[in-house]
Amino acid sequence: MMSNVGTDNLIEHIIDEVDTLWQLPNRDDLKSDCIQYVFDNWEDGFKYDDEIYLVIQFLSMKCADVMSEADLESMARAEEESRVSSYQEADQGV
């Protein structure tokens, strides 16, 4: 178990490092969640640069269900194909 001073030093270190790594302006809410995630998942024996791994892990979990550019392009193609099909059916009187 870490002492209060050790815990305070760790929290300060995590905040400083996440602040340095953070690249999402106007998302301080998400940064706070990330800081909490890093602290909650910190394990005894971690070195002081292991927070980078935890930040990447946090962001990876948050991004797992985000749509990629390929997803958006596929949706646009499907929508266009649907419109073309609808126009063809209308032209044929179907």
PDB file of N, CA and C in Angstrom:
ATOM      1  N   MET A   1       0.841  -1.187   0.000  1.00  0.00           N
ATOM      2  CA  MET A   1       0.000   0.000   0.000  1.00  0.00           C
ATOM      3  C   MET A   1       0.883   1.246   0.000  1.00  0.00           C
ATOM      4  N   MET A   2       0.506   2.205  -0.774  1.00  0.00           N
ATOM      5  CA  MET A   2       1.291   3.421  -0.912  1.00  0.00           C
ATOM      6  C   MET A   2       0.895   4.420   0.182  1.00  0.00           C
ATOM      7  N   SER A   3       1.880   5.137   0.707  1.00  0.00           N
ATOM      8  CA  SER A   3       1.588   6.148   1.717  1.00  0.00           C
ATOM      9  C   SER A   3       0.844   7.312   1.081  1.00  0.00           C
ATOM     10  N   ASN A   4       0.273   8.164   1.925  1.00  0.00           N
ATOM     11  CA  ASN A   4      -0.428   9.344   1.408  1.00  0.00           C
ATOM     12  C   ASN A   4       0.501  10.230   0.587  1.00  0.00           C
ATOM     13  N   VAL A   5       1.743  10.397   1.056  1.00  0.00           N
ATOM     14  CA  VAL A   5       2.718  11.207   0.316  1.00  0.00           C
ATOM     15  C   VAL A   5       3.022  10.530  -1.011  1.00  0.00           C
ATOM     16  N   GLY A   6       3.211   9.222  -0.986  1.00  0.00           N
ATOM     17  CA  GLY A   6       3.475   8.479  -2.220  1.00  0.00           C
ATOM     18  C   GLY A   6       2.301   8.560  -3.172  1.00  0.00           C
ATOM     19  N   THR A   7       1.090   8.449  -2.634  1.00  0.00           N
ATOM     20  CA  THR A   7      -0.113   8.556  -3.458  1.00  0.00           C
ATOM     21  C   THR A   7      -0.229   9.954  -4.051  1.00  0.00           C
ATOM     22  N   ASP A   8       0.005  10.976  -3.237  1.00  0.00           N
ATOM     23  CA  ASP A   8      -0.045  12.355  -3.728  1.00  0.00           C
ATOM     24  C   ASP A   8       0.983  12.586  -4.827  1.00  0.00           C
ATOM     25  N   ASN A   9       2.193  12.050  -4.647  1.00  0.00           N
ATOM     26  CA  ASN A   9       3.240  12.197  -5.664  1.00  0.00           C
ATOM     27  C   ASN A   9       2.842  11.476  -6.953  1.00  0.00           C
ATOM     28  N   LEU A  10       2.255  10.288  -6.811  1.00  0.00           N
ATOM     29  CA  LEU A  10       1.819   9.535  -7.982  1.00  0.00           C
ATOM     30  C   LEU A  10       0.717  10.286  -8.721  1.00  0.00           C
ATOM     31  N   ILE A  11      -0.264  10.793  -7.991  1.00  0.00           N
ATOM     32  CA  ILE A  11      -1.360  11.544  -8.613  1.00  0.00           C
ATOM     33  C   ILE A  11      -0.807  12.756  -9.357  1.00  0.00           C
ATOM     34  N   GLU A  12       0.087  13.489  -8.711  1.00  0.00           N
ATOM     35  CA  GLU A  12       0.699  14.665  -9.341  1.00  0.00           C
ATOM     36  C   GLU A  12       1.451  14.270 -10.610  1.00  0.00           C
ATOM     37  N   HIS A  13       2.196  13.170 -10.543  1.00  0.00           N
ATOM     38  CA  HIS A  13       2.938  12.693 -11.708  1.00  0.00           C
ATOM     39  C   HIS A  13       1.981  12.311 -12.843  1.00  0.00           C
ATOM     40  N   ILE A  14       0.920  11.580 -12.530  1.00  0.00           N
ATOM     41  CA  ILE A  14      -0.049  11.149 -13.547  1.00  0.00           C
ATOM     42  C   ILE A  14      -0.707  12.368 -14.198  1.00  0.00           C
ATOM     43  N   ILE A  15      -1.126  13.325 -13.398  1.00  0.00           N
ATOM     44  CA  ILE A  15      -1.752  14.542 -13.940  1.00  0.00           C
ATOM     45  C   ILE A  15      -0.788  15.259 -14.884  1.00  0.00           C
ATOM     46  N   ASP A  16       0.461  15.430 -14.453  1.00  0.00           N
ATOM     47  CA  ASP A  16       1.457  16.115 -15.283  1.00  0.00           C
ATOM     48  C   ASP A  16       1.691  15.364 -16.595  1.00  0.00           C
ATOM     49  N   GLU A  17       1.818  14.052 -16.514  1.00  0.00           N
ATOM     50  CA  GLU A  17       2.106  13.265 -17.716  1.00  0.00           C
ATOM     51  C   GLU A  17       0.913  13.228 -18.671  1.00  0.00           C
ATOM     52  N   VAL A  18      -0.294  13.055 -18.145  1.00  0.00           N
ATOM     53  CA  VAL A  18      -1.468  13.054 -19.016  1.00  0.00           C
ATOM     54  C   VAL A  18      -1.628  14.431 -19.657  1.00  0.00           C
ATOM     55  N   ASP A  19      -1.396  15.498 -18.889  1.00  0.00           N
ATOM     56  CA  ASP A  19      -1.439  16.858 -19.457  1.00  0.00           C
ATOM     57  C   ASP A  19      -0.465  16.992 -20.626  1.00  0.00           C
ATOM     58  N   THR A  20       0.719  16.435 -20.479  1.00  0.00           N
ATOM     59  CA  THR A  20       1.732  16.511 -21.529  1.00  0.00           C
ATOM     60  C   THR A  20       1.322  15.711 -22.766  1.00  0.00           C
ATOM     61  N   LEU A  21       0.724  14.556 -22.547  1.00  0.00           N
ATOM     62  CA  LEU A  21       0.347  13.672 -23.653  1.00  0.00           C
ATOM     63  C   LEU A  21      -0.945  14.074 -24.343  1.00  0.00           C
ATOM     64  N   TRP A  22      -1.817  14.763 -23.643  1.00  0.00           N
ATOM     65  CA  TRP A  22      -3.197  15.004 -24.108  1.00  0.00           C
ATOM     66  C   TRP A  22      -3.233  15.840 -25.380  1.00  0.00           C
ATOM     67  N   GLN A  23      -3.946  15.358 -26.396  1.00  0.00           N
ATOM     68  CA  GLN A  23      -4.011  16.025 -27.696  1.00  0.00           C
ATOM     69  C   GLN A  23      -5.438  16.352 -28.118  1.00  0.00           C
ATOM     70  N   LEU A  24      -6.380  16.314 -27.194  1.00  0.00           N
ATOM     71  CA  LEU A  24      -7.779  16.586 -27.518  1.00  0.00           C
ATOM     72  C   LEU A  24      -8.224  17.889 -26.861  1.00  0.00           C
ATOM     73  N   PRO A  25      -8.052  19.005 -27.579  1.00  0.00           N
ATOM     74  CA  PRO A  25      -8.459  20.282 -26.984  1.00  0.00           C
ATOM     75  C   PRO A  25      -9.963  20.292 -26.726  1.00  0.00           C
ATOM     76  N   ASN A  26     -10.358  21.019 -25.740  1.00  0.00           N
ATOM     77  CA  ASN A  26     -11.772  21.163 -25.369  1.00  0.00           C
ATOM     78  C   ASN A  26     -12.393  19.865 -24.872  1.00  0.00           C
ATOM     79  N   ARG A  27     -11.596  18.902 -24.445  1.00  0.00           N
ATOM     80  CA  ARG A  27     -12.128  17.666 -23.887  1.00  0.00           C
ATOM     81  C   ARG A  27     -11.511  17.400 -22.518  1.00  0.00           C
ATOM     82  N   ASP A  28     -11.560  18.432 -21.670  1.00  0.00           N
ATOM     83  CA  ASP A  28     -11.037  18.280 -20.310  1.00  0.00           C
ATOM     84  C   ASP A  28     -11.826  17.237 -19.525  1.00  0.00           C
ATOM     85  N   ASP A  29     -13.110  17.049 -19.868  1.00  0.00           N
ATOM     86  CA  ASP A  29     -13.904  16.022 -19.207  1.00  0.00           C
ATOM     87  C   ASP A  29     -13.326  14.640 -19.470  1.00  0.00           C
ATOM     88  N   LEU A  30     -12.945  14.388 -20.707  1.00  0.00           N
ATOM     89  CA  LEU A  30     -12.358  13.110 -21.072  1.00  0.00           C
ATOM     90  C   LEU A  30     -10.957  12.969 -20.482  1.00  0.00           C
ATOM     91  N   LYS A  31     -10.228  14.060 -20.428  1.00  0.00           N
ATOM     92  CA  LYS A  31      -8.898  14.032 -19.817  1.00  0.00           C
ATOM     93  C   LYS A  31      -9.005  13.669 -18.337  1.00  0.00           C
ATOM     94  N   SER A  32      -9.991  14.202 -17.655  1.00  0.00           N
ATOM     95  CA  SER A  32     -10.203  13.849 -16.240  1.00  0.00           C
ATOM     96  C   SER A  32     -10.504  12.369 -16.088  1.00  0.00           C
ATOM     97  N   ASP A  33     -11.333  11.831 -16.987  1.00  0.00           N
ATOM     98  CA  ASP A  33     -11.623  10.391 -16.962  1.00  0.00           C
ATOM     99  C   ASP A  33     -10.354   9.581 -17.197  1.00  0.00           C
ATOM    100  N   CYS A  34      -9.504  10.067 -18.101  1.00  0.00           N
ATOM    101  CA  CYS A  34      -8.252   9.381 -18.403  1.00  0.00           C
ATOM    102  C   CYS A  34      -7.325   9.385 -17.193  1.00  0.00           C
ATOM    103  N   ILE A  35      -7.207  10.517 -16.545  1.00  0.00           N
ATOM    104  CA  ILE A  35      -6.373  10.611 -15.339  1.00  0.00           C
ATOM    105  C   ILE A  35      -6.869   9.618 -14.292  1.00  0.00           C
ATOM    106  N   GLN A  36      -8.169   9.566 -14.101  1.00  0.00           N
ATOM    107  CA  GLN A  36      -8.735   8.630 -13.130  1.00  0.00           C
ATOM    108  C   GLN A  36      -8.468   7.186 -13.546  1.00  0.00           C
ATOM    109  N   TYR A  37      -8.592   6.882 -14.835  1.00  0.00           N
ATOM    110  CA  TYR A  37      -8.331   5.538 -15.337  1.00  0.00           C
ATOM    111  C   TYR A  37      -6.878   5.140 -15.077  1.00  0.00           C
ATOM    112  N   VAL A  38      -5.957   6.047 -15.394  1.00  0.00           N
ATOM    113  CA  VAL A  38      -4.536   5.748 -15.174  1.00  0.00           C
ATOM    114  C   VAL A  38      -4.283   5.486 -13.694  1.00  0.00           C
ATOM    115  N   PHE A  39      -4.822   6.325 -12.838  1.00  0.00           N
ATOM    116  CA  PHE A  39      -4.625   6.133 -11.396  1.00  0.00           C
ATOM    117  C   PHE A  39      -5.229   4.810 -10.924  1.00  0.00           C
ATOM    118  N   ASP A  40      -6.465   4.528 -11.369  1.00  0.00           N
ATOM    119  CA  ASP A  40      -7.153   3.306 -10.939  1.00  0.00           C
ATOM    120  C   ASP A  40      -6.459   2.036 -11.413  1.00  0.00           C
ATOM    121  N   ASN A  41      -5.762   2.117 -12.541  1.00  0.00           N
ATOM    122  CA  ASN A  41      -5.128   0.936 -13.122  1.00  0.00           C
ATOM    123  C   ASN A  41      -3.627   0.867 -12.890  1.00  0.00           C
ATOM    124  N   TRP A  42      -3.115   1.828 -12.146  1.00  0.00           N
ATOM    125  CA  TRP A  42      -1.693   1.829 -11.804  1.00  0.00           C
ATOM    126  C   TRP A  42      -1.424   0.660 -10.873  1.00  0.00           C
ATOM    127  N   GLU A  43      -0.378  -0.069 -11.138  1.00  0.00           N
ATOM    128  CA  GLU A  43      -0.027  -1.207 -10.296  1.00  0.00           C
ATOM    129  C   GLU A  43       1.331  -0.986  -9.666  1.00  0.00           C
ATOM    130  N   ASP A  44       1.498  -1.541  -8.465  1.00  0.00           N
ATOM    131  CA  ASP A  44       2.808  -1.488  -7.826  1.00  0.00           C
ATOM    132  C   ASP A  44       3.830  -2.107  -8.769  1.00  0.00           C
ATOM    133  N   GLY A  45       4.967  -1.498  -8.857  1.00  0.00           N
ATOM    134  CA  GLY A  45       6.014  -2.003  -9.727  1.00  0.00           C
ATOM    135  C   GLY A  45       6.049  -1.324 -11.083  1.00  0.00           C
ATOM    136  N   PHE A  46       4.992  -0.564 -11.414  1.00  0.00           N
ATOM    137  CA  PHE A  46       5.023   0.181 -12.673  1.00  0.00           C
ATOM    138  C   PHE A  46       6.134   1.214 -12.585  1.00  0.00           C
ATOM    139  N   LYS A  47       6.776   1.448 -13.712  1.00  0.00           N
ATOM    140  CA  LYS A  47       7.762   2.511 -13.788  1.00  0.00           C
ATOM    141  C   LYS A  47       7.025   3.811 -14.117  1.00  0.00           C
ATOM    142  N   TYR A  48       7.675   4.904 -13.926  1.00  0.00           N
ATOM    143  CA  TYR A  48       7.011   6.190 -14.102  1.00  0.00           C
ATOM    144  C   TYR A  48       6.744   6.553 -15.558  1.00  0.00           C
ATOM    145  N   ASP A  49       7.122   5.710 -16.519  1.00  0.00           N
ATOM    146  CA  ASP A  49       6.726   5.970 -17.895  1.00  0.00           C
ATOM    147  C   ASP A  49       5.633   5.010 -18.357  1.00  0.00           C
ATOM    148  N   ASP A  50       5.150   4.158 -17.465  1.00  0.00           N
ATOM    149  CA  ASP A  50       4.086   3.219 -17.817  1.00  0.00           C
ATOM    150  C   ASP A  50       2.729   3.900 -17.980  1.00  0.00           C
ATOM    151  N   GLU A  51       2.602   5.154 -17.575  1.00  0.00           N
ATOM    152  CA  GLU A  51       1.326   5.844 -17.765  1.00  0.00           C
ATOM    153  C   GLU A  51       1.017   6.023 -19.245  1.00  0.00           C
ATOM    154  N   ILE A  52       2.049   6.047 -20.080  1.00  0.00           N
ATOM    155  CA  ILE A  52       1.819   6.164 -21.524  1.00  0.00           C
ATOM    156  C   ILE A  52       1.001   4.972 -22.010  1.00  0.00           C
ATOM    157  N   TYR A  53       1.375   3.782 -21.575  1.00  0.00           N
ATOM    158  CA  TYR A  53       0.624   2.569 -21.936  1.00  0.00           C
ATOM    159  C   TYR A  53      -0.824   2.689 -21.465  1.00  0.00           C
ATOM    160  N   LEU A  54      -1.043   3.164 -20.260  1.00  0.00           N
ATOM    161  CA  LEU A  54      -2.403   3.267 -19.718  1.00  0.00           C
ATOM    162  C   LEU A  54      -3.217   4.333 -20.448  1.00  0.00           C
ATOM    163  N   VAL A  55      -2.595   5.434 -20.862  1.00  0.00           N
ATOM    164  CA  VAL A  55      -3.299   6.458 -21.641  1.00  0.00           C
ATOM    165  C   VAL A  55      -3.721   5.873 -22.987  1.00  0.00           C
ATOM    166  N   ILE A  56      -2.814   5.154 -23.640  1.00  0.00           N
ATOM    167  CA  ILE A  56      -3.157   4.523 -24.920  1.00  0.00           C
ATOM    168  C   ILE A  56      -4.272   3.507 -24.722  1.00  0.00           C
ATOM    169  N   GLN A  57      -4.199   2.738 -23.669  1.00  0.00           N
ATOM    170  CA  GLN A  57      -5.246   1.750 -23.371  1.00  0.00           C
ATOM    171  C   GLN A  57      -6.600   2.446 -23.169  1.00  0.00           C
ATOM    172  N   PHE A  58      -6.626   3.529 -22.408  1.00  0.00           N
ATOM    173  CA  PHE A  58      -7.855   4.277 -22.164  1.00  0.00           C
ATOM    174  C   PHE A  58      -8.438   4.803 -23.475  1.00  0.00           C
ATOM    175  N   LEU A  59      -7.609   5.454 -24.281  1.00  0.00           N
ATOM    176  CA  LEU A  59      -8.092   6.021 -25.544  1.00  0.00           C
ATOM    177  C   LEU A  59      -8.520   4.935 -26.518  1.00  0.00           C
ATOM    178  N   SER A  60      -7.833   3.806 -26.510  1.00  0.00           N
ATOM    179  CA  SER A  60      -8.217   2.687 -27.379  1.00  0.00           C
ATOM    180  C   SER A  60      -9.604   2.171 -27.014  1.00  0.00           C
ATOM    181  N   MET A  61      -9.879   2.078 -25.728  1.00  0.00           N
ATOM    182  CA  MET A  61     -11.210   1.626 -25.298  1.00  0.00           C
ATOM    183  C   MET A  61     -12.277   2.630 -25.712  1.00  0.00           C
ATOM    184  N   LYS A  62     -11.976   3.909 -25.595  1.00  0.00           N
ATOM    185  CA  LYS A  62     -12.936   4.946 -25.962  1.00  0.00           C
ATOM    186  C   LYS A  62     -13.178   4.981 -27.471  1.00  0.00           C
ATOM    187  N   CYS A  63     -12.172   4.609 -28.239  1.00  0.00           N
ATOM    188  CA  CYS A  63     -12.276   4.687 -29.698  1.00  0.00           C
ATOM    189  C   CYS A  63     -12.734   3.385 -30.345  1.00  0.00           C
ATOM    190  N   ALA A  64     -12.908   2.346 -29.590  1.00  0.00           N
ATOM    191  CA  ALA A  64     -13.206   1.025 -30.157  1.00  0.00           C
ATOM    192  C   ALA A  64     -14.449   1.036 -31.035  1.00  0.00           C
ATOM    193  N   ASP A  65     -15.444   1.821 -30.709  1.00  0.00           N
ATOM    194  CA  ASP A  65     -16.691   1.827 -31.466  1.00  0.00           C
ATOM    195  C   ASP A  65     -16.863   3.057 -32.351  1.00  0.00           C
ATOM    196  N   VAL A  66     -15.818   3.836 -32.483  1.00  0.00           N
ATOM    197  CA  VAL A  66     -15.877   5.036 -33.318  1.00  0.00           C
ATOM    198  C   VAL A  66     -15.832   4.615 -34.787  1.00  0.00           C
ATOM    199  N   MET A  67     -16.558   5.340 -35.603  1.00  0.00           N
ATOM    200  CA  MET A  67     -16.577   5.025 -37.032  1.00  0.00           C
ATOM    201  C   MET A  67     -15.298   5.528 -37.696  1.00  0.00           C
ATOM    202  N   SER A  68     -14.732   4.665 -38.518  1.00  0.00           N
ATOM    203  CA  SER A  68     -13.530   5.035 -39.258  1.00  0.00           C
ATOM    204  C   SER A  68     -13.922   5.696 -40.575  1.00  0.00           C
ATOM    205  N   GLU A  69     -12.947   6.249 -41.247  1.00  0.00           N
ATOM    206  CA  GLU A  69     -13.175   6.841 -42.560  1.00  0.00           C
ATOM    207  C   GLU A  69     -13.702   5.780 -43.529  1.00  0.00           C
ATOM    208  N   ALA A  70     -13.163   4.562 -43.439  1.00  0.00           N
ATOM    209  CA  ALA A  70     -13.630   3.464 -44.300  1.00  0.00           C
ATOM    210  C   ALA A  70     -15.100   3.135 -44.016  1.00  0.00           C
ATOM    211  N   ASP A  71     -15.503   3.166 -42.739  1.00  0.00           N
ATOM    212  CA  ASP A  71     -16.910   2.935 -42.387  1.00  0.00           C
ATOM    213  C   ASP A  71     -17.807   3.989 -43.028  1.00  0.00           C
ATOM    214  N   LEU A  72     -17.398   5.247 -42.920  1.00  0.00           N
ATOM    215  CA  LEU A  72     -18.194   6.341 -43.485  1.00  0.00           C
ATOM    216  C   LEU A  72     -18.290   6.243 -45.000  1.00  0.00           C
ATOM    217  N   GLU A  73     -17.181   5.898 -45.646  1.00  0.00           N
ATOM    218  CA  GLU A  73     -17.198   5.743 -47.099  1.00  0.00           C
ATOM    219  C   GLU A  73     -18.103   4.592 -47.528  1.00  0.00           C
ATOM    220  N   SER A  74     -18.063   3.501 -46.788  1.00  0.00           N
ATOM    221  CA  SER A  74     -18.922   2.350 -47.077  1.00  0.00           C
ATOM    222  C   SER A  74     -20.392   2.721 -46.921  1.00  0.00           C
ATOM    223  N   MET A  75     -20.713   3.470 -45.888  1.00  0.00           N
ATOM    224  CA  MET A  75     -22.098   3.914 -45.677  1.00  0.00           C
ATOM    225  C   MET A  75     -22.540   4.840 -46.811  1.00  0.00           C
ATOM    226  N   ALA A  76     -21.654   5.714 -47.253  1.00  0.00           N
ATOM    227  CA  ALA A  76     -21.989   6.636 -48.346  1.00  0.00           C
ATOM    228  C   ALA A  76     -22.230   5.865 -49.638  1.00  0.00           C
ATOM    229  N   ARG A  77     -21.385   4.856 -49.918  1.00  0.00           N
ATOM    230  CA  ARG A  77     -21.585   4.031 -51.121  1.00  0.00           C
ATOM    231  C   ARG A  77     -22.906   3.284 -51.048  1.00  0.00           C
ATOM    232  N   ALA A  78     -23.217   2.707 -49.892  1.00  0.00           N
ATOM    233  CA  ALA A  78     -24.465   1.969 -49.725  1.00  0.00           C
ATOM    234  C   ALA A  78     -25.665   2.897 -49.912  1.00  0.00           C
ATOM    235  N   GLU A  79     -25.580   4.105 -49.388  1.00  0.00           N
ATOM    236  CA  GLU A  79     -26.663   5.087 -49.544  1.00  0.00           C
ATOM    237  C   GLU A  79     -26.828   5.459 -51.016  1.00  0.00           C
ATOM    238  N   GLU A  80     -25.719   5.680 -51.705  1.00  0.00           N
ATOM    239  CA  GLU A  80     -25.774   6.025 -53.129  1.00  0.00           C
ATOM    240  C   GLU A  80     -26.361   4.869 -53.935  1.00  0.00           C
ATOM    241  N   GLU A  81     -25.946   3.656 -53.642  1.00  0.00           N
ATOM    242  CA  GLU A  81     -26.493   2.484 -54.346  1.00  0.00           C
ATOM    243  C   GLU A  81     -27.990   2.346 -54.090  1.00  0.00           C
ATOM    244  N   SER A  82     -28.412   2.645 -52.893  1.00  0.00           N
ATOM    245  CA  SER A  82     -29.829   2.586 -52.550  1.00  0.00           C
ATOM    246  C   SER A  82     -30.624   3.609 -53.351  1.00  0.00           C
ATOM    247  N   ARG A  83     -30.068   4.824 -53.479  1.00  0.00           N
ATOM    248  CA  ARG A  83     -30.736   5.869 -54.264  1.00  0.00           C
ATOM    249  C   ARG A  83     -30.826   5.492 -55.740  1.00  0.00           C
ATOM    250  N   VAL A  84     -29.735   4.967 -56.292  1.00  0.00           N
ATOM    251  CA  VAL A  84     -29.724   4.565 -57.698  1.00  0.00           C
ATOM    252  C   VAL A  84     -30.761   3.476 -57.921  1.00  0.00           C
ATOM    253  N   SER A  85     -30.811   2.521 -57.020  1.00  0.00           N
ATOM    254  CA  SER A  85     -31.783   1.432 -57.126  1.00  0.00           C
ATOM    255  C   SER A  85     -33.210   1.967 -57.056  1.00  0.00           C
ATOM    256  N   SER A  86     -33.451   2.916 -56.173  1.00  0.00           N
ATOM    257  CA  SER A  86     -34.786   3.515 -56.037  1.00  0.00           C
ATOM    258  C   SER A  86     -35.177   4.271 -57.293  1.00  0.00           C
ATOM    259  N   TYR A  87     -34.219   5.016 -57.883  1.00  0.00           N
ATOM    260  CA  TYR A  87     -34.483   5.749 -59.120  1.00  0.00           C
ATOM    261  C   TYR A  87     -34.796   4.786 -60.259  1.00  0.00           C
ATOM    262  N   GLN A  88     -34.027   3.684 -60.323  1.00  0.00           N
ATOM    263  CA  GLN A  88     -34.255   2.711 -61.404  1.00  0.00           C
ATOM    264  C   GLN A  88     -35.626   2.066 -61.254  1.00  0.00           C
ATOM    265  N   GLU A  89     -36.010   1.742 -60.034  1.00  0.00           N
ATOM    266  CA  GLU A  89     -37.311   1.150 -59.803  1.00  0.00           C
ATOM    267  C   GLU A  89     -38.425   2.144 -60.169  1.00  0.00           C
ATOM    268  N   ALA A  90     -38.237   3.404 -59.844  1.00  0.00           N
ATOM    269  CA  ALA A  90     -39.233   4.428 -60.160  1.00  0.00           C
ATOM    270  C   ALA A  90     -39.361   4.600 -61.667  1.00  0.00           C
ATOM    271  N   ASP A  91     -38.223   4.576 -62.366  1.00  0.00           N
ATOM    272  CA  ASP A  91     -38.227   4.714 -63.827  1.00  0.00           C
ATOM    273  C   ASP A  91     -38.931   3.531 -64.503  1.00  0.00           C
ATOM    274  N   GLN A  92     -38.824   2.352 -63.895  1.00  0.00           N
ATOM    275  CA  GLN A  92     -39.419   1.156 -64.469  1.00  0.00           C
ATOM    276  C   GLN A  92     -40.862   0.969 -64.023  1.00  0.00           C
ATOM    277  N   GLY A  93     -41.320   1.837 -63.151  1.00  0.00           N
ATOM    278  CA  GLY A  93     -42.689   1.762 -62.657  1.00  0.00           C
ATOM    279  C   GLY A  93     -42.924   0.621 -61.678  1.00  0.00           C
ATOM    280  N   VAL A  94     -41.886   0.223 -60.985  1.00  0.00           N
ATOM    281  CA  VAL A  94     -42.007  -0.878 -60.033  1.00  0.00           C
ATOM    282  C   VAL A  94     -42.560  -0.394 -58.731  1.00  0.00           C
TER     283      VAL A  94
END
